[in-house]
Amino acid sequence: MLLFGEDFRTAGSLSLLVSLPTMLVAFARYSRDSSFAVLGANLRFTLVMAAGSVAGAVLGGLLLGVFPDAVLIPALALILLVSAVKLARHE
């Protein structure tokens, strides 16, 4: 979005389109071994994370038409910056 100047809807759709094959291959690969056993062992955490992901996607989709790009782009940049700083400080 920031690099190519695309709007949020196009950028989000393209992101999903690019990510989908990667996720399908990863799912197929991890399903062959016991990697998904960790999810079963942490079922409550897995369900909370999945619910949060769905709620965030729905809320983000609903708010997309409410706020102009001039507000959303700096907000996204700030979120990414904070995430990068937290990741850099993590040991």
PDB file of N, CA and C in Angstrom:
ATOM      1  N   MET A   1       0.826  -1.175   0.000  1.00  0.00           N
ATOM      2  CA  MET A   1       0.000   0.000   0.000  1.00  0.00           C
ATOM      3  C   MET A   1       0.876   1.247   0.000  1.00  0.00           C
ATOM      4  N   LEU A   2       1.833   1.285   0.908  1.00  0.00           N
ATOM      5  CA  LEU A   2       2.694   2.459   0.977  1.00  0.00           C
ATOM      6  C   LEU A   2       3.671   2.513  -0.196  1.00  0.00           C
ATOM      7  N   LEU A   3       4.159   1.352  -0.623  1.00  0.00           N
ATOM      8  CA  LEU A   3       5.147   1.300  -1.689  1.00  0.00           C
ATOM      9  C   LEU A   3       4.537   1.603  -3.057  1.00  0.00           C
ATOM     10  N   PHE A   4       3.372   1.012  -3.347  1.00  0.00           N
ATOM     11  CA  PHE A   4       2.780   1.157  -4.676  1.00  0.00           C
ATOM     12  C   PHE A   4       1.634   2.170  -4.718  1.00  0.00           C
ATOM     13  N   GLY A   5       1.259   2.733  -3.572  1.00  0.00           N
ATOM     14  CA  GLY A   5       0.215   3.746  -3.551  1.00  0.00           C
ATOM     15  C   GLY A   5      -1.176   3.211  -3.808  1.00  0.00           C
ATOM     16  N   GLU A   6      -1.426   1.955  -3.450  1.00  0.00           N
ATOM     17  CA  GLU A   6      -2.748   1.364  -3.650  1.00  0.00           C
ATOM     18  C   GLU A   6      -3.648   1.715  -2.470  1.00  0.00           C
ATOM     19  N   ASP A   7      -4.953   1.686  -2.705  1.00  0.00           N
ATOM     20  CA  ASP A   7      -5.885   1.952  -1.615  1.00  0.00           C
ATOM     21  C   ASP A   7      -5.957   0.728  -0.688  1.00  0.00           C
ATOM     22  N   PHE A   8      -6.599   0.895   0.467  1.00  0.00           N
ATOM     23  CA  PHE A   8      -6.629  -0.153   1.480  1.00  0.00           C
ATOM     24  C   PHE A   8      -7.317  -1.425   0.984  1.00  0.00           C
ATOM     25  N   ARG A   9      -8.391  -1.276   0.272  1.00  0.00           N
ATOM     26  CA  ARG A   9      -9.126  -2.468  -0.194  1.00  0.00           C
ATOM     27  C   ARG A   9      -8.288  -3.285  -1.173  1.00  0.00           C
ATOM     28  N   THR A  10      -7.665  -2.630  -2.109  1.00  0.00           N
ATOM     29  CA  THR A  10      -6.835  -3.335  -3.081  1.00  0.00           C
ATOM     30  C   THR A  10      -5.630  -3.962  -2.395  1.00  0.00           C
ATOM     31  N   ALA A  11      -4.976  -3.217  -1.522  1.00  0.00           N
ATOM     32  CA  ALA A  11      -3.801  -3.731  -0.820  1.00  0.00           C
ATOM     33  C   ALA A  11      -4.171  -4.928   0.047  1.00  0.00           C
ATOM     34  N   GLY A  12      -5.274  -4.849   0.769  1.00  0.00           N
ATOM     35  CA  GLY A  12      -5.713  -5.961   1.605  1.00  0.00           C
ATOM     36  C   GLY A  12      -6.064  -7.189   0.797  1.00  0.00           C
ATOM     37  N   SER A  13      -6.760  -6.987  -0.319  1.00  0.00           N
ATOM     38  CA  SER A  13      -7.135  -8.109  -1.181  1.00  0.00           C
ATOM     39  C   SER A  13      -5.901  -8.766  -1.791  1.00  0.00           C
ATOM     40  N   LEU A  14      -4.966  -7.962  -2.254  1.00  0.00           N
ATOM     41  CA  LEU A  14      -3.737  -8.518  -2.829  1.00  0.00           C
ATOM     42  C   LEU A  14      -2.898  -9.227  -1.776  1.00  0.00           C
ATOM     43  N   SER A  15      -2.893  -8.703  -0.567  1.00  0.00           N
ATOM     44  CA  SER A  15      -2.162  -9.348   0.519  1.00  0.00           C
ATOM     45  C   SER A  15      -2.729 -10.737   0.794  1.00  0.00           C
ATOM     46  N   LEU A  16      -4.041 -10.833   0.838  1.00  0.00           N
ATOM     47  CA  LEU A  16      -4.669 -12.147   1.041  1.00  0.00           C
ATOM     48  C   LEU A  16      -4.390 -13.077  -0.122  1.00  0.00           C
ATOM     49  N   LEU A  17      -4.436 -12.546  -1.325  1.00  0.00           N
ATOM     50  CA  LEU A  17      -4.194 -13.361  -2.508  1.00  0.00           C
ATOM     51  C   LEU A  17      -2.776 -13.913  -2.536  1.00  0.00           C
ATOM     52  N   VAL A  18      -1.817 -13.104  -2.126  1.00  0.00           N
ATOM     53  CA  VAL A  18      -0.424 -13.539  -2.098  1.00  0.00           C
ATOM     54  C   VAL A  18      -0.180 -14.500  -0.937  1.00  0.00           C
ATOM     55  N   SER A  19      -0.832 -14.259   0.198  1.00  0.00           N
ATOM     56  CA  SER A  19      -0.613 -15.086   1.388  1.00  0.00           C
ATOM     57  C   SER A  19      -1.287 -16.445   1.304  1.00  0.00           C
ATOM     58  N   LEU A  20      -2.385 -16.539   0.591  1.00  0.00           N
ATOM     59  CA  LEU A  20      -3.159 -17.775   0.564  1.00  0.00           C
ATOM     60  C   LEU A  20      -2.356 -18.994   0.109  1.00  0.00           C
ATOM     61  N   PRO A  21      -1.630 -18.944  -1.006  1.00  0.00           N
ATOM     62  CA  PRO A  21      -0.846 -20.126  -1.397  1.00  0.00           C
ATOM     63  C   PRO A  21       0.201 -20.516  -0.351  1.00  0.00           C
ATOM     64  N   THR A  22       0.829 -19.532   0.259  1.00  0.00           N
ATOM     65  CA  THR A  22       1.824 -19.809   1.297  1.00  0.00           C
ATOM     66  C   THR A  22       1.171 -20.505   2.479  1.00  0.00           C
ATOM     67  N   MET A  23       0.009 -20.020   2.902  1.00  0.00           N
ATOM     68  CA  MET A  23      -0.690 -20.634   4.027  1.00  0.00           C
ATOM     69  C   MET A  23      -1.152 -22.049   3.696  1.00  0.00           C
ATOM     70  N   LEU A  24      -1.617 -22.281   2.489  1.00  0.00           N
ATOM     71  CA  LEU A  24      -2.070 -23.616   2.101  1.00  0.00           C
ATOM     72  C   LEU A  24      -0.912 -24.610   2.085  1.00  0.00           C
ATOM     73  N   VAL A  25       0.232 -24.206   1.557  1.00  0.00           N
ATOM     74  CA  VAL A  25       1.407 -25.086   1.552  1.00  0.00           C
ATOM     75  C   VAL A  25       1.868 -25.359   2.975  1.00  0.00           C
ATOM     76  N   ALA A  26       1.903 -24.333   3.808  1.00  0.00           N
ATOM     77  CA  ALA A  26       2.318 -24.517   5.205  1.00  0.00           C
ATOM     78  C   ALA A  26       1.350 -25.433   5.932  1.00  0.00           C
ATOM     79  N   PHE A  27       0.064 -25.239   5.713  1.00  0.00           N
ATOM     80  CA  PHE A  27      -0.935 -26.098   6.360  1.00  0.00           C
ATOM     81  C   PHE A  27      -0.755 -27.551   5.933  1.00  0.00           C
ATOM     82  N   ALA A  28      -0.535 -27.784   4.651  1.00  0.00           N
ATOM     83  CA  ALA A  28      -0.335 -29.152   4.166  1.00  0.00           C
ATOM     84  C   ALA A  28       0.925 -29.765   4.763  1.00  0.00           C
ATOM     85  N   ARG A  29       1.972 -28.992   4.839  1.00  0.00           N
ATOM     86  CA  ARG A  29       3.242 -29.514   5.359  1.00  0.00           C
ATOM     87  C   ARG A  29       3.158 -29.820   6.848  1.00  0.00           C
ATOM     88  N   TYR A  30       2.597 -28.890   7.623  1.00  0.00           N
ATOM     89  CA  TYR A  30       2.525 -29.089   9.066  1.00  0.00           C
ATOM     90  C   TYR A  30       1.496 -30.141   9.459  1.00  0.00           C
ATOM     91  N   SER A  31       0.503 -30.364   8.617  1.00  0.00           N
ATOM     92  CA  SER A  31      -0.496 -31.375   8.951  1.00  0.00           C
ATOM     93  C   SER A  31       0.068 -32.789   8.806  1.00  0.00           C
ATOM     94  N   ARG A  32       1.165 -32.948   8.070  1.00  0.00           N
ATOM     95  CA  ARG A  32       1.777 -34.272   7.897  1.00  0.00           C
ATOM     96  C   ARG A  32       2.564 -34.728   9.116  1.00  0.00           C
ATOM     97  N   ASP A  33       3.051 -33.776   9.903  1.00  0.00           N
ATOM     98  CA  ASP A  33       3.758 -34.181  11.119  1.00  0.00           C
ATOM     99  C   ASP A  33       2.910 -33.789  12.331  1.00  0.00           C
ATOM    100  N   SER A  34       3.489 -33.776  13.488  1.00  0.00           N
ATOM    101  CA  SER A  34       2.710 -33.514  14.703  1.00  0.00           C
ATOM    102  C   SER A  34       2.758 -32.044  15.133  1.00  0.00           C
ATOM    103  N   SER A  35       2.980 -31.152  14.219  1.00  0.00           N
ATOM    104  CA  SER A  35       3.087 -29.733  14.564  1.00  0.00           C
ATOM    105  C   SER A  35       1.783 -29.150  15.098  1.00  0.00           C
ATOM    106  N   PHE A  36       0.650 -29.664  14.634  1.00  0.00           N
ATOM    107  CA  PHE A  36      -0.630 -29.134  15.088  1.00  0.00           C
ATOM    108  C   PHE A  36      -1.017 -29.642  16.469  1.00  0.00           C
ATOM    109  N   ALA A  37      -0.266 -30.563  17.036  1.00  0.00           N
ATOM    110  CA  ALA A  37      -0.538 -31.041  18.391  1.00  0.00           C
ATOM    111  C   ALA A  37      -0.386 -29.906  19.402  1.00  0.00           C
ATOM    112  N   VAL A  38       0.480 -28.953  19.106  1.00  0.00           N
ATOM    113  CA  VAL A  38       0.667 -27.798  19.993  1.00  0.00           C
ATOM    114  C   VAL A  38      -0.622 -26.990  20.085  1.00  0.00           C
ATOM    115  N   LEU A  39      -1.344 -26.872  18.980  1.00  0.00           N
ATOM    116  CA  LEU A  39      -2.602 -26.126  18.995  1.00  0.00           C
ATOM    117  C   LEU A  39      -3.629 -26.811  19.887  1.00  0.00           C
ATOM    118  N   GLY A  40      -3.682 -28.139  19.823  1.00  0.00           N
ATOM    119  CA  GLY A  40      -4.610 -28.877  20.665  1.00  0.00           C
ATOM    120  C   GLY A  40      -4.251 -28.758  22.133  1.00  0.00           C
ATOM    121  N   ALA A  41      -2.970 -28.727  22.427  1.00  0.00           N
ATOM    122  CA  ALA A  41      -2.518 -28.595  23.815  1.00  0.00           C
ATOM    123  C   ALA A  41      -2.805 -27.205  24.368  1.00  0.00           C
ATOM    124  N   ASN A  42      -2.890 -26.218  23.506  1.00  0.00           N
ATOM    125  CA  ASN A  42      -3.174 -24.830  23.903  1.00  0.00           C
ATOM    126  C   ASN A  42      -4.475 -24.369  23.268  1.00  0.00           C
ATOM    127  N   LEU A  43      -5.509 -25.167  23.401  1.00  0.00           N
ATOM    128  CA  LEU A  43      -6.765 -24.925  22.694  1.00  0.00           C
ATOM    129  C   LEU A  43      -7.409 -23.593  23.073  1.00  0.00           C
ATOM    130  N   ARG A  44      -7.428 -23.268  24.345  1.00  0.00           N
ATOM    131  CA  ARG A  44      -8.057 -22.007  24.759  1.00  0.00           C
ATOM    132  C   ARG A  44      -7.342 -20.809  24.136  1.00  0.00           C
ATOM    133  N   PHE A  45      -6.012 -20.806  24.204  1.00  0.00           N
ATOM    134  CA  PHE A  45      -5.229 -19.725  23.605  1.00  0.00           C
ATOM    135  C   PHE A  45      -5.474 -19.650  22.102  1.00  0.00           C
ATOM    136  N   THR A  46      -5.513 -20.804  21.453  1.00  0.00           N
ATOM    137  CA  THR A  46      -5.754 -20.858  20.009  1.00  0.00           C
ATOM    138  C   THR A  46      -7.106 -20.266  19.659  1.00  0.00           C
ATOM    139  N   LEU A  47      -8.137 -20.615  20.423  1.00  0.00           N
ATOM    140  CA  LEU A  47      -9.483 -20.102  20.143  1.00  0.00           C
ATOM    141  C   LEU A  47      -9.576 -18.597  20.394  1.00  0.00           C
ATOM    142  N   VAL A  48      -8.922 -18.116  21.448  1.00  0.00           N
ATOM    143  CA  VAL A  48      -8.932 -16.672  21.731  1.00  0.00           C
ATOM    144  C   VAL A  48      -8.217 -15.912  20.605  1.00  0.00           C
ATOM    145  N   MET A  49      -7.085 -16.431  20.151  1.00  0.00           N
ATOM    146  CA  MET A  49      -6.352 -15.777  19.058  1.00  0.00           C
ATOM    147  C   MET A  49      -7.172 -15.793  17.764  1.00  0.00           C
ATOM    148  N   ALA A  50      -7.830 -16.907  17.477  1.00  0.00           N
ATOM    149  CA  ALA A  50      -8.657 -16.995  16.266  1.00  0.00           C
ATOM    150  C   ALA A  50      -9.831 -16.027  16.347  1.00  0.00           C
ATOM    151  N   ALA A  51     -10.484 -15.962  17.502  1.00  0.00           N
ATOM    152  CA  ALA A  51     -11.612 -15.041  17.674  1.00  0.00           C
ATOM    153  C   ALA A  51     -11.149 -13.587  17.539  1.00  0.00           C
ATOM    154  N   GLY A  52      -9.993 -13.275  18.115  1.00  0.00           N
ATOM    155  CA  GLY A  52      -9.456 -11.919  17.988  1.00  0.00           C
ATOM    156  C   GLY A  52      -9.128 -11.558  16.550  1.00  0.00           C
ATOM    157  N   SER A  53      -8.616 -12.528  15.810  1.00  0.00           N
ATOM    158  CA  SER A  53      -8.296 -12.294  14.405  1.00  0.00           C
ATOM    159  C   SER A  53      -9.552 -12.019  13.588  1.00  0.00           C
ATOM    160  N   VAL A  54     -10.584 -12.826  13.812  1.00  0.00           N
ATOM    161  CA  VAL A  54     -11.849 -12.633  13.093  1.00  0.00           C
ATOM    162  C   VAL A  54     -12.483 -11.299  13.481  1.00  0.00           C
ATOM    163  N   ALA A  55     -12.508 -11.002  14.782  1.00  0.00           N
ATOM    164  CA  ALA A  55     -13.098  -9.735  15.240  1.00  0.00           C
ATOM    165  C   ALA A  55     -12.335  -8.538  14.666  1.00  0.00           C
ATOM    166  N   GLY A  56     -11.011  -8.615  14.639  1.00  0.00           N
ATOM    167  CA  GLY A  56     -10.215  -7.529  14.074  1.00  0.00           C
ATOM    168  C   GLY A  56     -10.456  -7.335  12.586  1.00  0.00           C
ATOM    169  N   ALA A  57     -10.593  -8.444  11.865  1.00  0.00           N
ATOM    170  CA  ALA A  57     -10.860  -8.349  10.427  1.00  0.00           C
ATOM    171  C   ALA A  57     -12.236  -7.742  10.156  1.00  0.00           C
ATOM    172  N   VAL A  58     -13.228  -8.166  10.939  1.00  0.00           N
ATOM    173  CA  VAL A  58     -14.580  -7.626  10.757  1.00  0.00           C
ATOM    174  C   VAL A  58     -14.614  -6.144  11.119  1.00  0.00           C
ATOM    175  N   LEU A  59     -14.051  -5.801  12.266  1.00  0.00           N
ATOM    176  CA  LEU A  59     -14.033  -4.400  12.693  1.00  0.00           C
ATOM    177  C   LEU A  59     -13.254  -3.530  11.712  1.00  0.00           C
ATOM    178  N   GLY A  60     -12.121  -4.012  11.257  1.00  0.00           N
ATOM    179  CA  GLY A  60     -11.338  -3.267  10.276  1.00  0.00           C
ATOM    180  C   GLY A  60     -12.087  -3.062   8.976  1.00  0.00           C
ATOM    181  N   GLY A  61     -12.793  -4.094   8.534  1.00  0.00           N
ATOM    182  CA  GLY A  61     -13.599  -3.973   7.319  1.00  0.00           C
ATOM    183  C   GLY A  61     -14.726  -2.965   7.471  1.00  0.00           C
ATOM    184  N   LEU A  62     -15.342  -2.953   8.642  1.00  0.00           N
ATOM    185  CA  LEU A  62     -16.432  -2.003   8.883  1.00  0.00           C
ATOM    186  C   LEU A  62     -15.928  -0.568   8.989  1.00  0.00           C
ATOM    187  N   LEU A  63     -14.756  -0.379   9.552  1.00  0.00           N
ATOM    188  CA  LEU A  63     -14.214   0.968   9.726  1.00  0.00           C
ATOM    189  C   LEU A  63     -13.520   1.504   8.482  1.00  0.00           C
ATOM    190  N   LEU A  64     -13.318   0.649   7.503  1.00  0.00           N
ATOM    191  CA  LEU A  64     -12.588   1.054   6.309  1.00  0.00           C
ATOM    192  C   LEU A  64     -13.243   2.219   5.587  1.00  0.00           C
ATOM    193  N   GLY A  65     -14.534   2.226   5.489  1.00  0.00           N
ATOM    194  CA  GLY A  65     -15.225   3.310   4.803  1.00  0.00           C
ATOM    195  C   GLY A  65     -15.480   4.514   5.685  1.00  0.00           C
ATOM    196  N   VAL A  66     -15.224   4.391   6.983  1.00  0.00           N
ATOM    197  CA  VAL A  66     -15.534   5.463   7.924  1.00  0.00           C
ATOM    198  C   VAL A  66     -14.424   6.512   7.979  1.00  0.00           C
ATOM    199  N   PHE A  67     -13.184   6.036   8.023  1.00  0.00           N
ATOM    200  CA  PHE A  67     -12.050   6.937   8.158  1.00  0.00           C
ATOM    201  C   PHE A  67     -11.356   7.130   6.818  1.00  0.00           C
ATOM    202  N   PRO A  68     -10.930   8.342   6.493  1.00  0.00           N
ATOM    203  CA  PRO A  68     -10.227   8.579   5.223  1.00  0.00           C
ATOM    204  C   PRO A  68      -8.805   8.005   5.274  1.00  0.00           C
ATOM    205  N   ASP A  69      -8.243   7.789   4.101  1.00  0.00           N
ATOM    206  CA  ASP A  69      -6.878   7.261   3.999  1.00  0.00           C
ATOM    207  C   ASP A  69      -5.867   8.146   4.718  1.00  0.00           C
ATOM    208  N   ALA A  70      -6.123   9.442   4.767  1.00  0.00           N
ATOM    209  CA  ALA A  70      -5.195  10.372   5.424  1.00  0.00           C
ATOM    210  C   ALA A  70      -5.094  10.104   6.923  1.00  0.00           C
ATOM    211  N   VAL A  71      -6.083   9.434   7.503  1.00  0.00           N
ATOM    212  CA  VAL A  71      -6.044   9.060   8.915  1.00  0.00           C
ATOM    213  C   VAL A  71      -5.497   7.643   9.068  1.00  0.00           C
ATOM    214  N   LEU A  72      -5.935   6.746   8.189  1.00  0.00           N
ATOM    215  CA  LEU A  72      -5.567   5.333   8.311  1.00  0.00           C
ATOM    216  C   LEU A  72      -4.091   5.067   8.019  1.00  0.00           C
ATOM    217  N   ILE A  73      -3.531   5.737   7.042  1.00  0.00           N
ATOM    218  CA  ILE A  73      -2.130   5.487   6.675  1.00  0.00           C
ATOM    219  C   ILE A  73      -1.178   5.882   7.811  1.00  0.00           C
ATOM    220  N   PRO A  74      -1.302   7.070   8.403  1.00  0.00           N
ATOM    221  CA  PRO A  74      -0.428   7.371   9.552  1.00  0.00           C
ATOM    222  C   PRO A  74      -0.675   6.439  10.741  1.00  0.00           C
ATOM    223  N   ALA A  75      -1.917   6.041  10.972  1.00  0.00           N
ATOM    224  CA  ALA A  75      -2.213   5.118  12.071  1.00  0.00           C
ATOM    225  C   ALA A  75      -1.531   3.771  11.830  1.00  0.00           C
ATOM    226  N   LEU A  76      -1.599   3.281  10.600  1.00  0.00           N
ATOM    227  CA  LEU A  76      -0.935   2.025  10.258  1.00  0.00           C
ATOM    228  C   LEU A  76       0.577   2.160  10.404  1.00  0.00           C
ATOM    229  N   ALA A  77       1.121   3.268   9.950  1.00  0.00           N
ATOM    230  CA  ALA A  77       2.564   3.488  10.075  1.00  0.00           C
ATOM    231  C   ALA A  77       2.979   3.511  11.544  1.00  0.00           C
ATOM    232  N   LEU A  78       2.170   4.123  12.395  1.00  0.00           N
ATOM    233  CA  LEU A  78       2.474   4.160  13.828  1.00  0.00           C
ATOM    234  C   LEU A  78       2.417   2.765  14.447  1.00  0.00           C
ATOM    235  N   ILE A  79       1.410   1.986  14.088  1.00  0.00           N
ATOM    236  CA  ILE A  79       1.299   0.613  14.598  1.00  0.00           C
ATOM    237  C   ILE A  79       2.514  -0.212  14.172  1.00  0.00           C
ATOM    238  N   LEU A  80       2.910  -0.092  12.915  1.00  0.00           N
ATOM    239  CA  LEU A  80       4.069  -0.833  12.428  1.00  0.00           C
ATOM    240  C   LEU A  80       5.355  -0.381  13.116  1.00  0.00           C
ATOM    241  N   LEU A  81       5.484   0.916  13.356  1.00  0.00           N
ATOM    242  CA  LEU A  81       6.666   1.446  14.035  1.00  0.00           C
ATOM    243  C   LEU A  81       6.747   0.941  15.478  1.00  0.00           C
ATOM    244  N   VAL A  82       5.638   0.996  16.185  1.00  0.00           N
ATOM    245  CA  VAL A  82       5.603   0.492  17.564  1.00  0.00           C
ATOM    246  C   VAL A  82       5.928  -1.000  17.598  1.00  0.00           C
ATOM    247  N   SER A  83       5.366  -1.754  16.652  1.00  0.00           N
ATOM    248  CA  SER A  83       5.650  -3.192  16.582  1.00  0.00           C
ATOM    249  C   SER A  83       7.127  -3.449  16.313  1.00  0.00           C
ATOM    250  N   ALA A  84       7.722  -2.678  15.425  1.00  0.00           N
ATOM    251  CA  ALA A  84       9.142  -2.850  15.104  1.00  0.00           C
ATOM    252  C   ALA A  84      10.019  -2.535  16.314  1.00  0.00           C
ATOM    253  N   VAL A  85       9.679  -1.479  17.058  1.00  0.00           N
ATOM    254  CA  VAL A  85      10.453  -1.124  18.252  1.00  0.00           C
ATOM    255  C   VAL A  85      10.328  -2.216  19.306  1.00  0.00           C
ATOM    256  N   LYS A  86       9.116  -2.721  19.516  1.00  0.00           N
ATOM    257  CA  LYS A  86       8.918  -3.786  20.507  1.00  0.00           C
ATOM    258  C   LYS A  86       9.676  -5.051  20.099  1.00  0.00           C
ATOM    259  N   LEU A  87       9.676  -5.341  18.814  1.00  0.00           N
ATOM    260  CA  LEU A  87      10.389  -6.515  18.322  1.00  0.00           C
ATOM    261  C   LEU A  87      11.896  -6.340  18.483  1.00  0.00           C
ATOM    262  N   ALA A  88      12.390  -5.143  18.230  1.00  0.00           N
ATOM    263  CA  ALA A  88      13.828  -4.888  18.358  1.00  0.00           C
ATOM    264  C   ALA A  88      14.276  -4.975  19.814  1.00  0.00           C
ATOM    265  N   ARG A  89      13.420  -4.603  20.745  1.00  0.00           N
ATOM    266  CA  ARG A  89      13.763  -4.646  22.168  1.00  0.00           C
ATOM    267  C   ARG A  89      13.587  -6.028  22.783  1.00  0.00           C
ATOM    268  N   HIS A  90      12.878  -6.904  22.086  1.00  0.00           N
ATOM    269  CA  HIS A  90      12.613  -8.251  22.627  1.00  0.00           C
ATOM    270  C   HIS A  90      13.886  -9.075  22.631  1.00  0.00           C
ATOM    271  N   GLU A  91      14.109  -9.775  23.719  1.00  0.00           N
ATOM    272  CA  GLU A  91      15.324 -10.596  23.821  1.00  0.00           C
ATOM    273  C   GLU A  91      15.040 -12.026  23.487  1.00  0.00           C
TER     274      GLU A  91
END
